């Protein structure tokens, strides 16, 4: 386990303390959960960015050309842009 010392605004510390008490967990646990969630979000963003770079618009267009041109099912219509 690594110990990290961080300076955070007093108002945020108060909110975390109150939430920790309400949820019956330690502030350390809440900080760990919050940090893990943020790191996970950054990793997902990076993964999506990498996948997007591998995308090929020509392949996309080729696939979309195979989709039949039929009216939308009731409830799936696009809103009228002119309205």
PDB file of N, CA and C in Angstrom:
ATOM      1  N   UNK A   1       0.856  -1.176   0.000  1.00  0.00           N
ATOM      2  CA  UNK A   1       0.000   0.000   0.000  1.00  0.00           C
ATOM      3  C   UNK A   1       0.894   1.229   0.000  1.00  0.00           C
ATOM      4  N   UNK A   2       0.554   2.206  -0.815  1.00  0.00           N
ATOM      5  CA  UNK A   2       1.308   3.451  -0.897  1.00  0.00           C
ATOM      6  C   UNK A   2       0.521   4.566  -0.227  1.00  0.00           C
ATOM      7  N   UNK A   3       1.212   5.387   0.521  1.00  0.00           N
ATOM      8  CA  UNK A   3       0.585   6.545   1.149  1.00  0.00           C
ATOM      9  C   UNK A   3       0.867   7.763   0.287  1.00  0.00           C
ATOM     10  N   UNK A   4      -0.185   8.517  -0.003  1.00  0.00           N
ATOM     11  CA  UNK A   4      -0.064   9.736  -0.804  1.00  0.00           C
ATOM     12  C   UNK A   4      -0.600  10.889   0.027  1.00  0.00           C
ATOM     13  N   UNK A   5       0.150  11.958   0.078  1.00  0.00           N
ATOM     14  CA  UNK A   5      -0.319  13.162   0.753  1.00  0.00           C
ATOM     15  C   UNK A   5      -0.748  14.141  -0.323  1.00  0.00           C
ATOM     16  N   UNK A   6      -1.946  14.694  -0.178  1.00  0.00           N
ATOM     17  CA  UNK A   6      -2.451  15.620  -1.192  1.00  0.00           C
ATOM     18  C   UNK A   6      -3.128  16.812  -0.518  1.00  0.00           C
ATOM     19  N   UNK A   7      -3.012  17.951  -1.137  1.00  0.00           N
ATOM     20  CA  UNK A   7      -3.715  19.150  -0.672  1.00  0.00           C
ATOM     21  C   UNK A   7      -4.988  19.284  -1.491  1.00  0.00           C
ATOM     22  N   UNK A   8      -6.117  19.331  -0.796  1.00  0.00           N
ATOM     23  CA  UNK A   8      -7.405  19.504  -1.467  1.00  0.00           C
ATOM     24  C   UNK A   8      -8.151  20.649  -0.787  1.00  0.00           C
ATOM     25  N   UNK A   9      -9.057  21.272  -1.491  1.00  0.00           N
ATOM     26  CA  UNK A   9      -9.824  22.368  -0.882  1.00  0.00           C
ATOM     27  C   UNK A   9     -10.590  21.889   0.358  1.00  0.00           C
ATOM     28  N   UNK A  10     -10.679  22.769   1.356  1.00  0.00           N
ATOM     29  CA  UNK A  10     -11.386  22.422   2.595  1.00  0.00           C
ATOM     30  C   UNK A  10     -12.820  21.994   2.322  1.00  0.00           C
ATOM     31  N   UNK A  11     -13.469  22.671   1.370  1.00  0.00           N
ATOM     32  CA  UNK A  11     -14.875  22.345   1.087  1.00  0.00           C
ATOM     33  C   UNK A  11     -15.008  20.925   0.549  1.00  0.00           C
ATOM     34  N   UNK A  12     -14.063  20.492  -0.278  1.00  0.00           N
ATOM     35  CA  UNK A  12     -14.099  19.123  -0.797  1.00  0.00           C
ATOM     36  C   UNK A  12     -13.828  18.126   0.324  1.00  0.00           C
ATOM     37  N   UNK A  13     -12.871  18.437   1.185  1.00  0.00           N
ATOM     38  CA  UNK A  13     -12.567  17.555   2.317  1.00  0.00           C
ATOM     39  C   UNK A  13     -13.795  17.383   3.210  1.00  0.00           C
ATOM     40  N   UNK A  14     -14.525  18.473   3.455  1.00  0.00           N
ATOM     41  CA  UNK A  14     -15.749  18.396   4.257  1.00  0.00           C
ATOM     42  C   UNK A  14     -16.783  17.478   3.598  1.00  0.00           C
ATOM     43  N   UNK A  15     -16.957  17.643   2.287  1.00  0.00           N
ATOM     44  CA  UNK A  15     -17.936  16.820   1.578  1.00  0.00           C
ATOM     45  C   UNK A  15     -17.550  15.341   1.643  1.00  0.00           C
ATOM     46  N   UNK A  16     -16.273  15.056   1.452  1.00  0.00           N
ATOM     47  CA  UNK A  16     -15.809  13.669   1.495  1.00  0.00           C
ATOM     48  C   UNK A  16     -16.013  13.105   2.899  1.00  0.00           C
ATOM     49  N   UNK A  17     -15.656  13.871   3.922  1.00  0.00           N
ATOM     50  CA  UNK A  17     -15.819  13.422   5.307  1.00  0.00           C
ATOM     51  C   UNK A  17     -17.288  13.108   5.601  1.00  0.00           C
ATOM     52  N   UNK A  18     -18.190  14.005   5.187  1.00  0.00           N
ATOM     53  CA  UNK A  18     -19.617  13.793   5.423  1.00  0.00           C
ATOM     54  C   UNK A  18     -20.120  12.558   4.683  1.00  0.00           C
ATOM     55  N   UNK A  19     -19.699  12.414   3.448  1.00  0.00           N
ATOM     56  CA  UNK A  19     -20.135  11.261   2.656  1.00  0.00           C
ATOM     57  C   UNK A  19     -19.589   9.968   3.245  1.00  0.00           C
ATOM     58  N   UNK A  20     -18.333   9.980   3.679  1.00  0.00           N
ATOM     59  CA  UNK A  20     -17.718   8.792   4.278  1.00  0.00           C
ATOM     60  C   UNK A  20     -18.479   8.378   5.538  1.00  0.00           C
ATOM     61  N   UNK A  21     -18.824   9.351   6.357  1.00  0.00           N
ATOM     62  CA  UNK A  21     -19.580   9.045   7.570  1.00  0.00           C
ATOM     63  C   UNK A  21     -20.953   8.471   7.222  1.00  0.00           C
ATOM     64  N   UNK A  22     -21.607   9.077   6.259  1.00  0.00           N
ATOM     65  CA  UNK A  22     -22.943   8.616   5.862  1.00  0.00           C
ATOM     66  C   UNK A  22     -22.900   7.206   5.296  1.00  0.00           C
ATOM     67  N   UNK A  23     -21.842   6.879   4.544  1.00  0.00           N
ATOM     68  CA  UNK A  23     -21.724   5.570   3.903  1.00  0.00           C
ATOM     69  C   UNK A  23     -20.978   4.546   4.763  1.00  0.00           C
ATOM     70  N   UNK A  24     -20.522   4.993   5.935  1.00  0.00           N
ATOM     71  CA  UNK A  24     -19.810   4.106   6.867  1.00  0.00           C
ATOM     72  C   UNK A  24     -18.563   3.500   6.239  1.00  0.00           C
ATOM     73  N   UNK A  25     -17.789   4.338   5.560  1.00  0.00           N
ATOM     74  CA  UNK A  25     -16.500   3.931   4.990  1.00  0.00           C
ATOM     75  C   UNK A  25     -15.475   4.992   5.367  1.00  0.00           C
ATOM     76  N   UNK A  26     -14.219   4.652   5.235  1.00  0.00           N
ATOM     77  CA  UNK A  26     -13.167   5.615   5.547  1.00  0.00           C
ATOM     78  C   UNK A  26     -12.993   6.603   4.399  1.00  0.00           C
ATOM     79  N   UNK A  27     -12.421   7.738   4.746  1.00  0.00           N
ATOM     80  CA  UNK A  27     -12.100   8.715   3.702  1.00  0.00           C
ATOM     81  C   UNK A  27     -11.075   8.118   2.749  1.00  0.00           C
ATOM     82  N   UNK A  28     -10.130   7.330   3.279  1.00  0.00           N
ATOM     83  CA  UNK A  28      -9.150   6.674   2.415  1.00  0.00           C
ATOM     84  C   UNK A  28      -9.843   5.819   1.355  1.00  0.00           C
ATOM     85  N   UNK A  29     -10.873   5.085   1.772  1.00  0.00           N
ATOM     86  CA  UNK A  29     -11.597   4.228   0.836  1.00  0.00           C
ATOM     87  C   UNK A  29     -12.277   5.069  -0.242  1.00  0.00           C
ATOM     88  N   UNK A  30     -12.892   6.175   0.154  1.00  0.00           N
ATOM     89  CA  UNK A  30     -13.562   7.039  -0.830  1.00  0.00           C
ATOM     90  C   UNK A  30     -12.561   7.633  -1.809  1.00  0.00           C
ATOM     91  N   UNK A  31     -11.411   8.082  -1.313  1.00  0.00           N
ATOM     92  CA  UNK A  31     -10.399   8.630  -2.221  1.00  0.00           C
ATOM     93  C   UNK A  31      -9.900   7.553  -3.172  1.00  0.00           C
ATOM     94  N   UNK A  32      -9.713   6.342  -2.665  1.00  0.00           N
ATOM     95  CA  UNK A  32      -9.259   5.243  -3.528  1.00  0.00           C
ATOM     96  C   UNK A  32     -10.280   4.939  -4.607  1.00  0.00           C
ATOM     97  N   UNK A  33     -11.546   4.898  -4.223  1.00  0.00           N
ATOM     98  CA  UNK A  33     -12.620   4.620  -5.195  1.00  0.00           C
ATOM     99  C   UNK A  33     -12.688   5.723  -6.248  1.00  0.00           C
ATOM    100  N   UNK A  34     -12.627   6.969  -5.805  1.00  0.00           N
ATOM    101  CA  UNK A  34     -12.714   8.099  -6.733  1.00  0.00           C
ATOM    102  C   UNK A  34     -11.534   8.110  -7.692  1.00  0.00           C
ATOM    103  N   UNK A  35     -10.345   7.855  -7.163  1.00  0.00           N
ATOM    104  CA  UNK A  35      -9.156   7.851  -8.011  1.00  0.00           C
ATOM    105  C   UNK A  35      -9.207   6.702  -9.008  1.00  0.00           C
ATOM    106  N   UNK A  36      -9.638   5.523  -8.551  1.00  0.00           N
ATOM    107  CA  UNK A  36      -9.755   4.370  -9.448  1.00  0.00           C
ATOM    108  C   UNK A  36     -10.763   4.649 -10.557  1.00  0.00           C
ATOM    109  N   UNK A  37     -11.860   5.285 -10.206  1.00  0.00           N
ATOM    110  CA  UNK A  37     -12.878   5.612 -11.196  1.00  0.00           C
ATOM    111  C   UNK A  37     -12.332   6.581 -12.243  1.00  0.00           C
ATOM    112  N   UNK A  38     -11.597   7.590 -11.797  1.00  0.00           N
ATOM    113  CA  UNK A  38     -11.056   8.577 -12.731  1.00  0.00           C
ATOM    114  C   UNK A  38     -10.009   7.949 -13.645  1.00  0.00           C
ATOM    115  N   UNK A  39      -9.127   7.135 -13.071  1.00  0.00           N
ATOM    116  CA  UNK A  39      -8.098   6.478 -13.876  1.00  0.00           C
ATOM    117  C   UNK A  39      -8.746   5.562 -14.904  1.00  0.00           C
ATOM    118  N   UNK A  40      -9.796   4.860 -14.502  1.00  0.00           N
ATOM    119  CA  UNK A  40     -10.525   3.991 -15.426  1.00  0.00           C
ATOM    120  C   UNK A  40     -11.122   4.803 -16.576  1.00  0.00           C
ATOM    121  N   UNK A  41     -11.670   5.969 -16.255  1.00  0.00           N
ATOM    122  CA  UNK A  41     -12.221   6.847 -17.288  1.00  0.00           C
ATOM    123  C   UNK A  41     -11.158   7.297 -18.272  1.00  0.00           C
ATOM    124  N   UNK A  42      -9.984   7.648 -17.757  1.00  0.00           N
ATOM    125  CA  UNK A  42      -8.897   8.062 -18.645  1.00  0.00           C
ATOM    126  C   UNK A  42      -8.457   6.912 -19.541  1.00  0.00           C
ATOM    127  N   UNK A  43      -8.380   5.697 -18.979  1.00  0.00           N
ATOM    128  CA  UNK A  43      -7.985   4.540 -19.779  1.00  0.00           C
ATOM    129  C   UNK A  43      -9.010   4.277 -20.876  1.00  0.00           C
ATOM    130  N   UNK A  44     -10.289   4.363 -20.530  1.00  0.00           N
ATOM    131  CA  UNK A  44     -11.341   4.161 -21.536  1.00  0.00           C
ATOM    132  C   UNK A  44     -11.246   5.200 -22.639  1.00  0.00           C
ATOM    133  N   UNK A  45     -11.012   6.443 -22.274  1.00  0.00           N
ATOM    134  CA  UNK A  45     -10.867   7.511 -23.273  1.00  0.00           C
ATOM    135  C   UNK A  45      -9.707   7.204 -24.214  1.00  0.00           C
ATOM    136  N   UNK A  46      -8.586   6.782 -23.636  1.00  0.00           N
ATOM    137  CA  UNK A  46      -7.416   6.460 -24.460  1.00  0.00           C
ATOM    138  C   UNK A  46      -7.696   5.277 -25.375  1.00  0.00           C
ATOM    139  N   UNK A  47      -8.385   4.258 -24.865  1.00  0.00           N
ATOM    140  CA  UNK A  47      -8.730   3.091 -25.688  1.00  0.00           C
ATOM    141  C   UNK A  47      -9.638   3.483 -26.851  1.00  0.00           C
ATOM    142  N   UNK A  48     -10.622   4.332 -26.567  1.00  0.00           N
ATOM    143  CA  UNK A  48     -11.541   4.775 -27.624  1.00  0.00           C
ATOM    144  C   UNK A  48     -10.781   5.591 -28.664  1.00  0.00           C
ATOM    145  N   UNK A  49      -9.868   6.442 -28.198  1.00  0.00           N
ATOM    146  CA  UNK A  49      -9.069   7.261 -29.118  1.00  0.00           C
ATOM    147  C   UNK A  49      -8.228   6.365 -30.031  1.00  0.00           C
ATOM    148  N   UNK A  50      -7.615   5.320 -29.458  1.00  0.00           N
ATOM    149  CA  UNK A  50      -6.811   4.397 -30.257  1.00  0.00           C
ATOM    150  C   UNK A  50      -7.674   3.649 -31.272  1.00  0.00           C
ATOM    151  N   UNK A  51      -8.847   3.204 -30.845  1.00  0.00           N
ATOM    152  CA  UNK A  51      -9.739   2.492 -31.760  1.00  0.00           C
ATOM    153  C   UNK A  51     -10.215   3.406 -32.878  1.00  0.00           C
ATOM    154  N   UNK A  52     -10.474   4.662 -32.549  1.00  0.00           N
ATOM    155  CA  UNK A  52     -10.932   5.617 -33.563  1.00  0.00           C
ATOM    156  C   UNK A  52      -9.845   5.844 -34.612  1.00  0.00           C
ATOM    157  N   UNK A  53      -8.594   5.849 -34.187  1.00  0.00           N
ATOM    158  CA  UNK A  53      -7.500   6.048 -35.136  1.00  0.00           C
ATOM    159  C   UNK A  53      -7.369   4.878 -36.100  1.00  0.00           C
ATOM    160  N   UNK A  54      -7.826   3.697 -35.684  1.00  0.00           N
ATOM    161  CA  UNK A  54      -7.765   2.533 -36.564  1.00  0.00           C
ATOM    162  C   UNK A  54      -8.960   2.482 -37.519  1.00  0.00           C
ATOM    163  N   UNK A  55      -9.930   3.364 -37.310  1.00  0.00           N
ATOM    164  CA  UNK A  55     -11.129   3.360 -38.138  1.00  0.00           C
ATOM    165  C   UNK A  55     -10.826   3.730 -39.582  1.00  0.00           C
ATOM    166  N   UNK A  56     -11.690   3.268 -40.474  1.00  0.00           N
ATOM    167  CA  UNK A  56     -11.507   3.533 -41.904  1.00  0.00           C
ATOM    168  C   UNK A  56     -12.856   3.962 -42.461  1.00  0.00           C
ATOM    169  N   UNK A  57     -12.968   5.235 -42.836  1.00  0.00           N
ATOM    170  CA  UNK A  57     -14.241   5.757 -43.332  1.00  0.00           C
ATOM    171  C   UNK A  57     -14.683   5.056 -44.620  1.00  0.00           C
ATOM    172  N   UNK A  58     -13.744   4.626 -45.433  1.00  0.00           N
ATOM    173  CA  UNK A  58     -14.127   3.921 -46.669  1.00  0.00           C
ATOM    174  C   UNK A  58     -14.825   2.603 -46.326  1.00  0.00           C
ATOM    175  N   UNK A  59     -14.294   1.891 -45.335  1.00  0.00           N
ATOM    176  CA  UNK A  59     -14.942   0.643 -44.919  1.00  0.00           C
ATOM    177  C   UNK A  59     -16.321   0.926 -44.332  1.00  0.00           C
ATOM    178  N   UNK A  60     -16.417   1.997 -43.549  1.00  0.00           N
ATOM    179  CA  UNK A  60     -17.700   2.379 -42.969  1.00  0.00           C
ATOM    180  C   UNK A  60     -18.720   2.666 -44.070  1.00  0.00           C
ATOM    181  N   UNK A  61     -18.303   3.473 -45.035  1.00  0.00           N
ATOM    182  CA  UNK A  61     -19.197   3.809 -46.146  1.00  0.00           C
ATOM    183  C   UNK A  61     -19.598   2.557 -46.926  1.00  0.00           C
ATOM    184  N   UNK A  62     -18.667   1.630 -47.101  1.00  0.00           N
ATOM    185  CA  UNK A  62     -18.943   0.387 -47.816  1.00  0.00           C
ATOM    186  C   UNK A  62     -20.025  -0.421 -47.098  1.00  0.00           C
ATOM    187  N   UNK A  63     -19.924  -0.480 -45.791  1.00  0.00           N
ATOM    188  CA  UNK A  63     -20.932  -1.209 -45.007  1.00  0.00           C
ATOM    189  C   UNK A  63     -22.264  -0.479 -45.069  1.00  0.00           C
ATOM    190  N   UNK A  64     -22.239   0.855 -44.929  1.00  0.00           N
ATOM    191  CA  UNK A  64     -23.487   1.624 -44.922  1.00  0.00           C
ATOM    192  C   UNK A  64     -24.216   1.542 -46.264  1.00  0.00           C
ATOM    193  N   UNK A  65     -23.485   1.351 -47.345  1.00  0.00           N
ATOM    194  CA  UNK A  65     -24.120   1.223 -48.659  1.00  0.00           C
ATOM    195  C   UNK A  65     -24.975  -0.044 -48.738  1.00  0.00           C
ATOM    196  N   UNK A  66     -24.724  -1.007 -47.892  1.00  0.00           N
ATOM    197  CA  UNK A  66     -25.478  -2.262 -47.889  1.00  0.00           C
ATOM    198  C   UNK A  66     -26.781  -2.168 -47.096  1.00  0.00           C
ATOM    199  N   UNK A  67     -26.947  -1.082 -46.353  1.00  0.00           N
ATOM    200  CA  UNK A  67     -28.147  -0.910 -45.543  1.00  0.00           C
ATOM    201  C   UNK A  67     -29.286  -0.463 -46.448  1.00  0.00           C
ATOM    202  N   UNK A  68     -30.414  -1.183 -46.334  1.00  0.00           N
ATOM    203  CA  UNK A  68     -31.562  -0.827 -47.181  1.00  0.00           C
ATOM    204  C   UNK A  68     -32.122   0.533 -46.790  1.00  0.00           C
ATOM    205  N   UNK A  69     -32.587   1.261 -47.765  1.00  0.00           N
ATOM    206  CA  UNK A  69     -33.188   2.570 -47.538  1.00  0.00           C
ATOM    207  C   UNK A  69     -34.684   2.366 -47.336  1.00  0.00           C
ATOM    208  N   UNK A  70     -35.091   2.246 -46.099  1.00  0.00           N
ATOM    209  CA  UNK A  70     -36.501   2.031 -45.772  1.00  0.00           C
ATOM    210  C   UNK A  70     -36.926   3.087 -44.758  1.00  0.00           C
ATOM    211  N   UNK A  71     -38.216   3.365 -44.701  1.00  0.00           N
ATOM    212  CA  UNK A  71     -38.694   4.351 -43.718  1.00  0.00           C
ATOM    213  C   UNK A  71     -38.418   3.863 -42.296  1.00  0.00           C
ATOM    214  N   UNK A  72     -38.240   4.820 -41.395  1.00  0.00           N
ATOM    215  CA  UNK A  72     -38.025   4.480 -39.989  1.00  0.00           C
ATOM    216  C   UNK A  72     -39.277   3.830 -39.415  1.00  0.00           C
ATOM    217  N   UNK A  73     -39.081   2.957 -38.448  1.00  0.00           N
ATOM    218  CA  UNK A  73     -40.215   2.341 -37.749  1.00  0.00           C
ATOM    219  C   UNK A  73     -40.874   3.406 -36.891  1.00  0.00           C
ATOM    220  N   UNK A  74     -42.155   3.280 -36.626  1.00  0.00           N
ATOM    221  CA  UNK A  74     -42.845   4.278 -35.787  1.00  0.00           C
ATOM    222  C   UNK A  74     -42.113   4.480 -34.460  1.00  0.00           C
ATOM    223  N   UNK A  75     -41.841   5.729 -34.127  1.00  0.00           N
ATOM    224  CA  UNK A  75     -41.122   6.059 -32.912  1.00  0.00           C
ATOM    225  C   UNK A  75     -39.636   6.262 -33.128  1.00  0.00           C
ATOM    226  N   UNK A  76     -39.102   5.806 -34.278  1.00  0.00           N
ATOM    227  CA  UNK A  76     -37.681   5.949 -34.573  1.00  0.00           C
ATOM    228  C   UNK A  76     -37.397   7.078 -35.561  1.00  0.00           C
ATOM    229  N   UNK A  77     -38.401   7.847 -35.910  1.00  0.00           N
ATOM    230  CA  UNK A  77     -38.206   8.902 -36.893  1.00  0.00           C
ATOM    231  C   UNK A  77     -37.273   9.978 -36.337  1.00  0.00           C
ATOM    232  N   UNK A  78     -36.516  10.605 -37.241  1.00  0.00           N
ATOM    233  CA  UNK A  78     -35.697  11.744 -36.848  1.00  0.00           C
ATOM    234  C   UNK A  78     -36.583  12.964 -36.714  1.00  0.00           C
ATOM    235  N   UNK A  79     -36.256  13.853 -35.786  1.00  0.00           N
ATOM    236  CA  UNK A  79     -37.074  15.075 -35.677  1.00  0.00           C
ATOM    237  C   UNK A  79     -36.944  15.909 -36.938  1.00  0.00           C
ATOM    238  N   UNK A  80     -37.996  16.626 -37.265  1.00  0.00           N
ATOM    239  CA  UNK A  80     -37.991  17.476 -38.453  1.00  0.00           C
ATOM    240  C   UNK A  80     -37.082  18.660 -38.199  1.00  0.00           C
ATOM    241  N   UNK A  81     -35.987  18.759 -38.945  1.00  0.00           N
ATOM    242  CA  UNK A  81     -34.990  19.827 -38.742  1.00  0.00           C
ATOM    243  C   UNK A  81     -35.542  21.190 -39.104  1.00  0.00           C
ATOM    244  N   UNK A  82     -36.577  21.232 -39.933  1.00  0.00           N
ATOM    245  CA  UNK A  82     -37.102  22.529 -40.361  1.00  0.00           C
ATOM    246  C   UNK A  82     -38.068  23.118 -39.333  1.00  0.00           C
ATOM    247  N   UNK A  83     -38.436  22.338 -38.329  1.00  0.00           N
ATOM    248  CA  UNK A  83     -39.425  22.816 -37.342  1.00  0.00           C
ATOM    249  C   UNK A  83     -38.792  23.690 -36.294  1.00  0.00           C
TER     250      UNK A  83
END
